[in-house]
Amino acid sequence: RDIEPVRAVLETFTSKILLGGAGKGQA
């Protein structure tokens, strides 16, 4: 839900998006 507004932008340079709550990206 948090990335929905920017998903299209992310998809211009990524083929895979790994999600998680706050801090999960760093882990």
mmCIF file of all heavy atoms, coordinates in Angstrom:
data_MODEL
# 
_entry.id   MODEL 
# 
loop_
_atom_site.group_PDB 
_atom_site.id 
_atom_site.type_symbol 
_atom_site.label_atom_id 
_atom_site.label_alt_id 
_atom_site.label_comp_id 
_atom_site.label_asym_id 
_atom_site.label_entity_id 
_atom_site.label_seq_id 
_atom_site.pdbx_PDB_ins_code 
_atom_site.Cartn_x 
_atom_site.Cartn_y 
_atom_site.Cartn_z 
_atom_site.occupancy 
_atom_site.B_iso_or_equiv 
_atom_site.pdbx_formal_charge 
_atom_site.auth_seq_id 
_atom_site.auth_comp_id 
_atom_site.auth_asym_id 
_atom_site.auth_atom_id 
_atom_site.pdbx_PDB_model_num 
ATOM 1   N N   . ARG A 1 1  ? 0.828  -1.212  0.000   1.00 0.00 ? 1  ARG A N   1 
ATOM 2   C CA  . ARG A 1 1  ? 0.000  0.000   0.000   1.00 0.00 ? 1  ARG A CA  1 
ATOM 3   C C   . ARG A 1 1  ? 0.860  1.259   0.000   1.00 0.00 ? 1  ARG A C   1 
ATOM 4   O O   . ARG A 1 1  ? 0.564  2.239   -0.683  1.00 0.00 ? 1  ARG A O   1 
ATOM 5   C CB  . ARG A 1 1  ? -0.924 -0.022  1.219   1.00 0.00 ? 1  ARG A CB  1 
ATOM 6   C CG  . ARG A 1 1  ? -1.990 1.047   1.180   1.00 0.00 ? 1  ARG A CG  1 
ATOM 7   C CD  . ARG A 1 1  ? -2.928 0.919   2.346   1.00 0.00 ? 1  ARG A CD  1 
ATOM 8   N NE  . ARG A 1 1  ? -2.930 2.224   2.993   1.00 0.00 ? 1  ARG A NE  1 
ATOM 9   C CZ  . ARG A 1 1  ? -3.184 2.455   4.242   1.00 0.00 ? 1  ARG A CZ  1 
ATOM 10  N NH1 . ARG A 1 1  ? -3.467 1.460   5.053   1.00 0.00 ? 1  ARG A NH1 1 
ATOM 11  N NH2 . ARG A 1 1  ? -3.186 3.663   4.721   1.00 0.00 ? 1  ARG A NH2 1 
ATOM 12  N N   . ASP A 1 2  ? 1.965  1.225   0.762   1.00 0.00 ? 2  ASP A N   1 
ATOM 13  C CA  . ASP A 1 2  ? 2.844  2.396   0.850   1.00 0.00 ? 2  ASP A CA  1 
ATOM 14  C C   . ASP A 1 2  ? 3.491  2.745   -0.484  1.00 0.00 ? 2  ASP A C   1 
ATOM 15  O O   . ASP A 1 2  ? 3.675  3.913   -0.797  1.00 0.00 ? 2  ASP A O   1 
ATOM 16  C CB  . ASP A 1 2  ? 3.966  2.158   1.871   1.00 0.00 ? 2  ASP A CB  1 
ATOM 17  C CG  . ASP A 1 2  ? 3.459  2.039   3.298   1.00 0.00 ? 2  ASP A CG  1 
ATOM 18  O OD1 . ASP A 1 2  ? 2.398  2.600   3.612   1.00 0.00 ? 2  ASP A OD1 1 
ATOM 19  O OD2 . ASP A 1 2  ? 4.152  1.376   4.101   1.00 0.00 ? 2  ASP A OD2 1 
ATOM 20  N N   . ILE A 1 3  ? 3.844  1.734   -1.274  1.00 0.00 ? 3  ILE A N   1 
ATOM 21  C CA  . ILE A 1 3  ? 4.564  2.027   -2.525  1.00 0.00 ? 3  ILE A CA  1 
ATOM 22  C C   . ILE A 1 3  ? 3.640  2.215   -3.727  1.00 0.00 ? 3  ILE A C   1 
ATOM 23  O O   . ILE A 1 3  ? 4.112  2.582   -4.802  1.00 0.00 ? 3  ILE A O   1 
ATOM 24  C CB  . ILE A 1 3  ? 5.624  0.954   -2.866  1.00 0.00 ? 3  ILE A CB  1 
ATOM 25  C CG1 . ILE A 1 3  ? 4.973  -0.349  -3.304  1.00 0.00 ? 3  ILE A CG1 1 
ATOM 26  C CG2 . ILE A 1 3  ? 6.612  0.779   -1.756  1.00 0.00 ? 3  ILE A CG2 1 
ATOM 27  C CD1 . ILE A 1 3  ? 5.859  -1.136  -4.236  1.00 0.00 ? 3  ILE A CD1 1 
ATOM 28  N N   . GLU A 1 4  ? 2.361  1.972   -3.542  1.00 0.00 ? 4  GLU A N   1 
ATOM 29  C CA  . GLU A 1 4  ? 1.443  2.062   -4.683  1.00 0.00 ? 4  GLU A CA  1 
ATOM 30  C C   . GLU A 1 4  ? 1.590  3.366   -5.472  1.00 0.00 ? 4  GLU A C   1 
ATOM 31  O O   . GLU A 1 4  ? 1.626  3.332   -6.696  1.00 0.00 ? 4  GLU A O   1 
ATOM 32  C CB  . GLU A 1 4  ? -0.009 1.852   -4.227  1.00 0.00 ? 4  GLU A CB  1 
ATOM 33  C CG  . GLU A 1 4  ? -0.936 1.501   -5.366  1.00 0.00 ? 4  GLU A CG  1 
ATOM 34  C CD  . GLU A 1 4  ? -0.433 0.345   -6.242  1.00 0.00 ? 4  GLU A CD  1 
ATOM 35  O OE1 . GLU A 1 4  ? 0.039  -0.669  -5.713  1.00 0.00 ? 4  GLU A OE1 1 
ATOM 36  O OE2 . GLU A 1 4  ? -0.494 0.501   -7.474  1.00 0.00 ? 4  GLU A OE2 1 
ATOM 37  N N   . PRO A 1 5  ? 1.733  4.532   -4.827  1.00 0.00 ? 5  PRO A N   1 
ATOM 38  C CA  . PRO A 1 5  ? 1.866  5.776   -5.594  1.00 0.00 ? 5  PRO A CA  1 
ATOM 39  C C   . PRO A 1 5  ? 3.143  5.848   -6.447  1.00 0.00 ? 5  PRO A C   1 
ATOM 40  O O   . PRO A 1 5  ? 3.184  6.591   -7.424  1.00 0.00 ? 5  PRO A O   1 
ATOM 41  C CB  . PRO A 1 5  ? 1.885  6.878   -4.532  1.00 0.00 ? 5  PRO A CB  1 
ATOM 42  C CG  . PRO A 1 5  ? 1.269  6.258   -3.318  1.00 0.00 ? 5  PRO A CG  1 
ATOM 43  C CD  . PRO A 1 5  ? 1.609  4.796   -3.384  1.00 0.00 ? 5  PRO A CD  1 
ATOM 44  N N   . VAL A 1 6  ? 4.163  5.079   -6.102  1.00 0.00 ? 6  VAL A N   1 
ATOM 45  C CA  . VAL A 1 6  ? 5.428  5.149   -6.847  1.00 0.00 ? 6  VAL A CA  1 
ATOM 46  C C   . VAL A 1 6  ? 5.786  3.825   -7.533  1.00 0.00 ? 6  VAL A C   1 
ATOM 47  O O   . VAL A 1 6  ? 6.860  3.699   -8.111  1.00 0.00 ? 6  VAL A O   1 
ATOM 48  C CB  . VAL A 1 6  ? 6.595  5.597   -5.935  1.00 0.00 ? 6  VAL A CB  1 
ATOM 49  C CG1 . VAL A 1 6  ? 6.384  7.014   -5.436  1.00 0.00 ? 6  VAL A CG1 1 
ATOM 50  C CG2 . VAL A 1 6  ? 6.800  4.619   -4.788  1.00 0.00 ? 6  VAL A CG2 1 
ATOM 51  N N   . ARG A 1 7  ? 4.892  2.852   -7.493  1.00 0.00 ? 7  ARG A N   1 
ATOM 52  C CA  . ARG A 1 7  ? 5.182  1.539   -8.098  1.00 0.00 ? 7  ARG A CA  1 
ATOM 53  C C   . ARG A 1 7  ? 5.568  1.674   -9.568  1.00 0.00 ? 7  ARG A C   1 
ATOM 54  O O   . ARG A 1 7  ? 6.527  1.065   -10.024 1.00 0.00 ? 7  ARG A O   1 
ATOM 55  C CB  . ARG A 1 7  ? 3.994  0.594   -7.955  1.00 0.00 ? 7  ARG A CB  1 
ATOM 56  C CG  . ARG A 1 7  ? 4.229  -0.760  -8.656  1.00 0.00 ? 7  ARG A CG  1 
ATOM 57  C CD  . ARG A 1 7  ? 3.093  -1.715  -8.463  1.00 0.00 ? 7  ARG A CD  1 
ATOM 58  N NE  . ARG A 1 7  ? 3.217  -2.478  -7.243  1.00 0.00 ? 7  ARG A NE  1 
ATOM 59  C CZ  . ARG A 1 7  ? 4.118  -3.451  -7.045  1.00 0.00 ? 7  ARG A CZ  1 
ATOM 60  N NH1 . ARG A 1 7  ? 4.976  -3.760  -7.980  1.00 0.00 ? 7  ARG A NH1 1 
ATOM 61  N NH2 . ARG A 1 7  ? 4.156  -4.102  -5.911  1.00 0.00 ? 7  ARG A NH2 1 
ATOM 62  N N   . ALA A 1 8  ? 4.858  2.476   -10.325 1.00 0.00 ? 8  ALA A N   1 
ATOM 63  C CA  . ALA A 1 8  ? 5.150  2.622   -11.758 1.00 0.00 ? 8  ALA A CA  1 
ATOM 64  C C   . ALA A 1 8  ? 6.565  3.160   -11.972 1.00 0.00 ? 8  ALA A C   1 
ATOM 65  O O   . ALA A 1 8  ? 7.261  2.733   -12.897 1.00 0.00 ? 8  ALA A O   1 
ATOM 66  C CB  . ALA A 1 8  ? 4.122  3.529   -12.424 1.00 0.00 ? 8  ALA A CB  1 
ATOM 67  N N   . VAL A 1 9  ? 7.005  4.070   -11.127 1.00 0.00 ? 9  VAL A N   1 
ATOM 68  C CA  . VAL A 1 9  ? 8.364  4.611   -11.238 1.00 0.00 ? 9  VAL A CA  1 
ATOM 69  C C   . VAL A 1 9  ? 9.377  3.512   -10.926 1.00 0.00 ? 9  VAL A C   1 
ATOM 70  O O   . VAL A 1 9  ? 10.353 3.329   -11.660 1.00 0.00 ? 9  VAL A O   1 
ATOM 71  C CB  . VAL A 1 9  ? 8.562  5.823   -10.300 1.00 0.00 ? 9  VAL A CB  1 
ATOM 72  C CG1 . VAL A 1 9  ? 10.009 6.275   -10.286 1.00 0.00 ? 9  VAL A CG1 1 
ATOM 73  C CG2 . VAL A 1 9  ? 7.638  6.962   -10.690 1.00 0.00 ? 9  VAL A CG2 1 
ATOM 74  N N   . LEU A 1 10 ? 9.157  2.754   -9.854  1.00 0.00 ? 10 LEU A N   1 
ATOM 75  C CA  . LEU A 1 10 ? 10.063 1.663   -9.493  1.00 0.00 ? 10 LEU A CA  1 
ATOM 76  C C   . LEU A 1 10 ? 10.168 0.639   -10.615 1.00 0.00 ? 10 LEU A C   1 
ATOM 77  O O   . LEU A 1 10 ? 11.254 0.130   -10.908 1.00 0.00 ? 10 LEU A O   1 
ATOM 78  C CB  . LEU A 1 10 ? 9.601  0.971   -8.207  1.00 0.00 ? 10 LEU A CB  1 
ATOM 79  C CG  . LEU A 1 10 ? 9.697  1.771   -6.911  1.00 0.00 ? 10 LEU A CG  1 
ATOM 80  C CD1 . LEU A 1 10 ? 9.060  1.001   -5.767  1.00 0.00 ? 10 LEU A CD1 1 
ATOM 81  C CD2 . LEU A 1 10 ? 11.140 2.122   -6.593  1.00 0.00 ? 10 LEU A CD2 1 
ATOM 82  N N   . GLU A 1 11 ? 9.080  0.359   -11.248 1.00 0.00 ? 11 GLU A N   1 
ATOM 83  C CA  . GLU A 1 11 ? 9.060  -0.652  -12.304 1.00 0.00 ? 11 GLU A CA  1 
ATOM 84  C C   . GLU A 1 11 ? 9.788  -0.211  -13.574 1.00 0.00 ? 11 GLU A C   1 
ATOM 85  O O   . GLU A 1 11 ? 10.061 -1.032  -14.441 1.00 0.00 ? 11 GLU A O   1 
ATOM 86  C CB  . GLU A 1 11 ? 7.628  -1.072  -12.610 1.00 0.00 ? 11 GLU A CB  1 
ATOM 87  C CG  . GLU A 1 11 ? 7.034  -1.902  -11.487 1.00 0.00 ? 11 GLU A CG  1 
ATOM 88  C CD  . GLU A 1 11 ? 5.566  -2.249  -11.670 1.00 0.00 ? 11 GLU A CD  1 
ATOM 89  O OE1 . GLU A 1 11 ? 4.890  -1.627  -12.523 1.00 0.00 ? 11 GLU A OE1 1 
ATOM 90  O OE2 . GLU A 1 11 ? 5.097  -3.145  -10.951 1.00 0.00 ? 11 GLU A OE2 1 
ATOM 91  N N   . THR A 1 12 ? 10.151 1.071   -13.675 1.00 0.00 ? 12 THR A N   1 
ATOM 92  C CA  . THR A 1 12 ? 10.911 1.513   -14.851 1.00 0.00 ? 12 THR A CA  1 
ATOM 93  C C   . THR A 1 12 ? 12.363 1.046   -14.790 1.00 0.00 ? 12 THR A C   1 
ATOM 94  O O   . THR A 1 12 ? 13.022 0.967   -15.819 1.00 0.00 ? 12 THR A O   1 
ATOM 95  C CB  . THR A 1 12 ? 10.888 3.046   -15.019 1.00 0.00 ? 12 THR A CB  1 
ATOM 96  O OG1 . THR A 1 12 ? 11.555 3.660   -13.919 1.00 0.00 ? 12 THR A OG1 1 
ATOM 97  C CG2 . THR A 1 12 ? 9.474  3.561   -15.167 1.00 0.00 ? 12 THR A CG2 1 
ATOM 98  N N   . PHE A 1 13 ? 12.870 0.743   -13.597 1.00 0.00 ? 13 PHE A N   1 
ATOM 99  C CA  . PHE A 1 13 ? 14.270 0.317   -13.488 1.00 0.00 ? 13 PHE A CA  1 
ATOM 100 C C   . PHE A 1 13 ? 14.460 -0.985  -12.720 1.00 0.00 ? 13 PHE A C   1 
ATOM 101 O O   . PHE A 1 13 ? 15.579 -1.421  -12.487 1.00 0.00 ? 13 PHE A O   1 
ATOM 102 C CB  . PHE A 1 13 ? 15.144 1.429   -12.889 1.00 0.00 ? 13 PHE A CB  1 
ATOM 103 C CG  . PHE A 1 13 ? 14.729 1.860   -11.506 1.00 0.00 ? 13 PHE A CG  1 
ATOM 104 C CD1 . PHE A 1 13 ? 15.244 1.224   -10.377 1.00 0.00 ? 13 PHE A CD1 1 
ATOM 105 C CD2 . PHE A 1 13 ? 13.846 2.906   -11.335 1.00 0.00 ? 13 PHE A CD2 1 
ATOM 106 C CE1 . PHE A 1 13 ? 14.882 1.632   -9.108  1.00 0.00 ? 13 PHE A CE1 1 
ATOM 107 C CE2 . PHE A 1 13 ? 13.475 3.326   -10.059 1.00 0.00 ? 13 PHE A CE2 1 
ATOM 108 C CZ  . PHE A 1 13 ? 13.997 2.680   -8.945  1.00 0.00 ? 13 PHE A CZ  1 
ATOM 109 N N   . THR A 1 14 ? 13.357 -1.624  -12.326 1.00 0.00 ? 14 THR A N   1 
ATOM 110 C CA  . THR A 1 14 ? 13.470 -2.873  -11.583 1.00 0.00 ? 14 THR A CA  1 
ATOM 111 C C   . THR A 1 14 ? 12.676 -3.982  -12.265 1.00 0.00 ? 14 THR A C   1 
ATOM 112 O O   . THR A 1 14 ? 11.715 -3.732  -12.982 1.00 0.00 ? 14 THR A O   1 
ATOM 113 C CB  . THR A 1 14 ? 12.908 -2.733  -10.151 1.00 0.00 ? 14 THR A CB  1 
ATOM 114 O OG1 . THR A 1 14 ? 11.511 -2.454  -10.224 1.00 0.00 ? 14 THR A OG1 1 
ATOM 115 C CG2 . THR A 1 14 ? 13.596 -1.641  -9.372  1.00 0.00 ? 14 THR A CG2 1 
ATOM 116 N N   . SER A 1 15 ? 13.100 -5.205  -12.000 1.00 0.00 ? 15 SER A N   1 
ATOM 117 C CA  . SER A 1 15 ? 12.317 -6.354  -12.460 1.00 0.00 ? 15 SER A CA  1 
ATOM 118 C C   . SER A 1 15 ? 11.739 -7.103  -11.265 1.00 0.00 ? 15 SER A C   1 
ATOM 119 O O   . SER A 1 15 ? 10.916 -7.990  -11.428 1.00 0.00 ? 15 SER A O   1 
ATOM 120 C CB  . SER A 1 15 ? 13.191 -7.300  -13.292 1.00 0.00 ? 15 SER A CB  1 
ATOM 121 O OG  . SER A 1 15 ? 14.268 -7.794  -12.510 1.00 0.00 ? 15 SER A OG  1 
ATOM 122 N N   . LYS A 1 16 ? 12.175 -6.718  -10.077 1.00 0.00 ? 16 LYS A N   1 
ATOM 123 C CA  . LYS A 1 16 ? 11.730 -7.393  -8.865  1.00 0.00 ? 16 LYS A CA  1 
ATOM 124 C C   . LYS A 1 16 ? 11.667 -6.365  -7.740  1.00 0.00 ? 16 LYS A C   1 
ATOM 125 O O   . LYS A 1 16 ? 12.564 -5.549  -7.597  1.00 0.00 ? 16 LYS A O   1 
ATOM 126 C CB  . LYS A 1 16 ? 12.741 -8.483  -8.507  1.00 0.00 ? 16 LYS A CB  1 
ATOM 127 C CG  . LYS A 1 16 ? 12.266 -9.482  -7.491  1.00 0.00 ? 16 LYS A CG  1 
ATOM 128 C CD  . LYS A 1 16 ? 13.336 -10.532 -7.220  1.00 0.00 ? 16 LYS A CD  1 
ATOM 129 C CE  . LYS A 1 16 ? 13.616 -11.319 -8.492  1.00 0.00 ? 16 LYS A CE  1 
ATOM 130 N NZ  . LYS A 1 16 ? 14.649 -12.334 -8.324  1.00 0.00 ? 16 LYS A NZ  1 
ATOM 131 N N   . ILE A 1 17 ? 10.598 -6.403  -6.963  1.00 0.00 ? 17 ILE A N   1 
ATOM 132 C CA  . ILE A 1 17 ? 10.458 -5.506  -5.817  1.00 0.00 ? 17 ILE A CA  1 
ATOM 133 C C   . ILE A 1 17 ? 10.227 -6.367  -4.586  1.00 0.00 ? 17 ILE A C   1 
ATOM 134 O O   . ILE A 1 17 ? 9.260  -7.128  -4.520  1.00 0.00 ? 17 ILE A O   1 
ATOM 135 C CB  . ILE A 1 17 ? 9.282  -4.521  -6.005  1.00 0.00 ? 17 ILE A CB  1 
ATOM 136 C CG1 . ILE A 1 17 ? 9.502  -3.659  -7.249  1.00 0.00 ? 17 ILE A CG1 1 
ATOM 137 C CG2 . ILE A 1 17 ? 9.123  -3.640  -4.773  1.00 0.00 ? 17 ILE A CG2 1 
ATOM 138 C CD1 . ILE A 1 17 ? 8.318  -2.773  -7.615  1.00 0.00 ? 17 ILE A CD1 1 
ATOM 139 N N   . LEU A 1 18 ? 11.157 -6.269  -3.636  1.00 0.00 ? 18 LEU A N   1 
ATOM 140 C CA  . LEU A 1 18 ? 11.003 -6.981  -2.368  1.00 0.00 ? 18 LEU A CA  1 
ATOM 141 C C   . LEU A 1 18 ? 10.442 -6.008  -1.352  1.00 0.00 ? 18 LEU A C   1 
ATOM 142 O O   . LEU A 1 18 ? 10.974 -4.922  -1.173  1.00 0.00 ? 18 LEU A O   1 
ATOM 143 C CB  . LEU A 1 18 ? 12.353 -7.504  -1.875  1.00 0.00 ? 18 LEU A CB  1 
ATOM 144 C CG  . LEU A 1 18 ? 13.102 -8.440  -2.810  1.00 0.00 ? 18 LEU A CG  1 
ATOM 145 C CD1 . LEU A 1 18 ? 14.444 -8.841  -2.190  1.00 0.00 ? 18 LEU A CD1 1 
ATOM 146 C CD2 . LEU A 1 18 ? 12.282 -9.671  -3.112  1.00 0.00 ? 18 LEU A CD2 1 
ATOM 147 N N   . LEU A 1 19 ? 9.366  -6.406  -0.691  1.00 0.00 ? 19 LEU A N   1 
ATOM 148 C CA  . LEU A 1 19 ? 8.684  -5.516  0.243   1.00 0.00 ? 19 LEU A CA  1 
ATOM 149 C C   . LEU A 1 19 ? 8.723  -6.046  1.659   1.00 0.00 ? 19 LEU A C   1 
ATOM 150 O O   . LEU A 1 19 ? 8.874  -7.243  1.889   1.00 0.00 ? 19 LEU A O   1 
ATOM 151 C CB  . LEU A 1 19 ? 7.215  -5.354  -0.165  1.00 0.00 ? 19 LEU A CB  1 
ATOM 152 C CG  . LEU A 1 19 ? 6.946  -4.682  -1.499  1.00 0.00 ? 19 LEU A CG  1 
ATOM 153 C CD1 . LEU A 1 19 ? 5.485  -4.824  -1.861  1.00 0.00 ? 19 LEU A CD1 1 
ATOM 154 C CD2 . LEU A 1 19 ? 7.345  -3.231  -1.437  1.00 0.00 ? 19 LEU A CD2 1 
ATOM 155 N N   . GLY A 1 20 ? 8.543  -5.157  2.586   1.00 0.00 ? 20 GLY A N   1 
ATOM 156 C CA  . GLY A 1 20 ? 8.405  -5.484  4.000   1.00 0.00 ? 20 GLY A CA  1 
ATOM 157 C C   . GLY A 1 20 ? 8.144  -4.181  4.729   1.00 0.00 ? 20 GLY A C   1 
ATOM 158 O O   . GLY A 1 20 ? 8.255  -3.102  4.148   1.00 0.00 ? 20 GLY A O   1 
ATOM 159 N N   . GLY A 1 21 ? 7.834  -4.257  5.979   1.00 0.00 ? 21 GLY A N   1 
ATOM 160 C CA  . GLY A 1 21 ? 7.571  -3.046  6.738   1.00 0.00 ? 21 GLY A CA  1 
ATOM 161 C C   . GLY A 1 21 ? 8.843  -2.270  7.008   1.00 0.00 ? 21 GLY A C   1 
ATOM 162 O O   . GLY A 1 21 ? 9.927  -2.611  6.517   1.00 0.00 ? 21 GLY A O   1 
ATOM 163 N N   . ALA A 1 22 ? 8.716  -1.235  7.799   1.00 0.00 ? 22 ALA A N   1 
ATOM 164 C CA  . ALA A 1 22 ? 9.855  -0.383  8.141   1.00 0.00 ? 22 ALA A CA  1 
ATOM 165 C C   . ALA A 1 22 ? 11.012 -1.225  8.680   1.00 0.00 ? 22 ALA A C   1 
ATOM 166 O O   . ALA A 1 22 ? 10.814 -2.101  9.516   1.00 0.00 ? 22 ALA A O   1 
ATOM 167 C CB  . ALA A 1 22 ? 9.431  0.645   9.176   1.00 0.00 ? 22 ALA A CB  1 
ATOM 168 N N   . GLY A 1 23 ? 12.208 -0.983  8.148   1.00 0.00 ? 23 GLY A N   1 
ATOM 169 C CA  . GLY A 1 23 ? 13.404 -1.707  8.581   1.00 0.00 ? 23 GLY A CA  1 
ATOM 170 C C   . GLY A 1 23 ? 13.658 -3.002  7.834   1.00 0.00 ? 23 GLY A C   1 
ATOM 171 O O   . GLY A 1 23 ? 14.771 -3.521  7.842   1.00 0.00 ? 23 GLY A O   1 
ATOM 172 N N   . LYS A 1 24 ? 12.649 -3.543  7.179   1.00 0.00 ? 24 LYS A N   1 
ATOM 173 C CA  . LYS A 1 24 ? 12.795 -4.828  6.473   1.00 0.00 ? 24 LYS A CA  1 
ATOM 174 C C   . LYS A 1 24 ? 13.709 -4.682  5.254   1.00 0.00 ? 24 LYS A C   1 
ATOM 175 O O   . LYS A 1 24 ? 14.438 -5.603  4.913   1.00 0.00 ? 24 LYS A O   1 
ATOM 176 C CB  . LYS A 1 24 ? 11.441 -5.392  6.041   1.00 0.00 ? 24 LYS A CB  1 
ATOM 177 C CG  . LYS A 1 24 ? 10.481 -5.638  7.184   1.00 0.00 ? 24 LYS A CG  1 
ATOM 178 C CD  . LYS A 1 24 ? 10.951 -6.743  8.082   1.00 0.00 ? 24 LYS A CD  1 
ATOM 179 C CE  . LYS A 1 24 ? 9.875  -7.016  9.112   1.00 0.00 ? 24 LYS A CE  1 
ATOM 180 N NZ  . LYS A 1 24 ? 10.250 -8.016  10.073  1.00 0.00 ? 24 LYS A NZ  1 
ATOM 181 N N   . GLY A 1 25 ? 13.670 -3.532  4.599   1.00 0.00 ? 25 GLY A N   1 
ATOM 182 C CA  . GLY A 1 25 ? 14.543 -3.300  3.451   1.00 0.00 ? 25 GLY A CA  1 
ATOM 183 C C   . GLY A 1 25 ? 16.007 -3.340  3.860   1.00 0.00 ? 25 GLY A C   1 
ATOM 184 O O   . GLY A 1 25 ? 16.838 -3.941  3.185   1.00 0.00 ? 25 GLY A O   1 
ATOM 185 N N   . GLN A 1 26 ? 16.323 -2.708  4.992   1.00 0.00 ? 26 GLN A N   1 
ATOM 186 C CA  . GLN A 1 26 ? 17.700 -2.723  5.491   1.00 0.00 ? 26 GLN A CA  1 
ATOM 187 C C   . GLN A 1 26 ? 18.137 -4.138  5.839   1.00 0.00 ? 26 GLN A C   1 
ATOM 188 O O   . GLN A 1 26 ? 19.266 -4.530  5.538   1.00 0.00 ? 26 GLN A O   1 
ATOM 189 C CB  . GLN A 1 26 ? 17.824 -1.821  6.720   1.00 0.00 ? 26 GLN A CB  1 
ATOM 190 C CG  . GLN A 1 26 ? 17.745 -0.353  6.382   1.00 0.00 ? 26 GLN A CG  1 
ATOM 191 C CD  . GLN A 1 26 ? 17.757 0.507   7.627   1.00 0.00 ? 26 GLN A CD  1 
ATOM 192 O OE1 . GLN A 1 26 ? 16.996 0.261   8.565   1.00 0.00 ? 26 GLN A OE1 1 
ATOM 193 N NE2 . GLN A 1 26 ? 18.625 1.503   7.646   1.00 0.00 ? 26 GLN A NE2 1 
ATOM 194 N N   . ALA A 1 27 ? 17.255 -4.901  6.477   1.00 0.00 ? 27 ALA A N   1 
ATOM 195 C CA  . ALA A 1 27 ? 17.595 -6.275  6.852   1.00 0.00 ? 27 ALA A CA  1 
ATOM 196 C C   . ALA A 1 27 ? 17.814 -7.140  5.607   1.00 0.00 ? 27 ALA A C   1 
ATOM 197 O O   . ALA A 1 27 ? 18.747 -7.945  5.553   1.00 0.00 ? 27 ALA A O   1 
ATOM 198 C CB  . ALA A 1 27 ? 16.496 -6.868  7.736   1.00 0.00 ? 27 ALA A CB  1 
# 
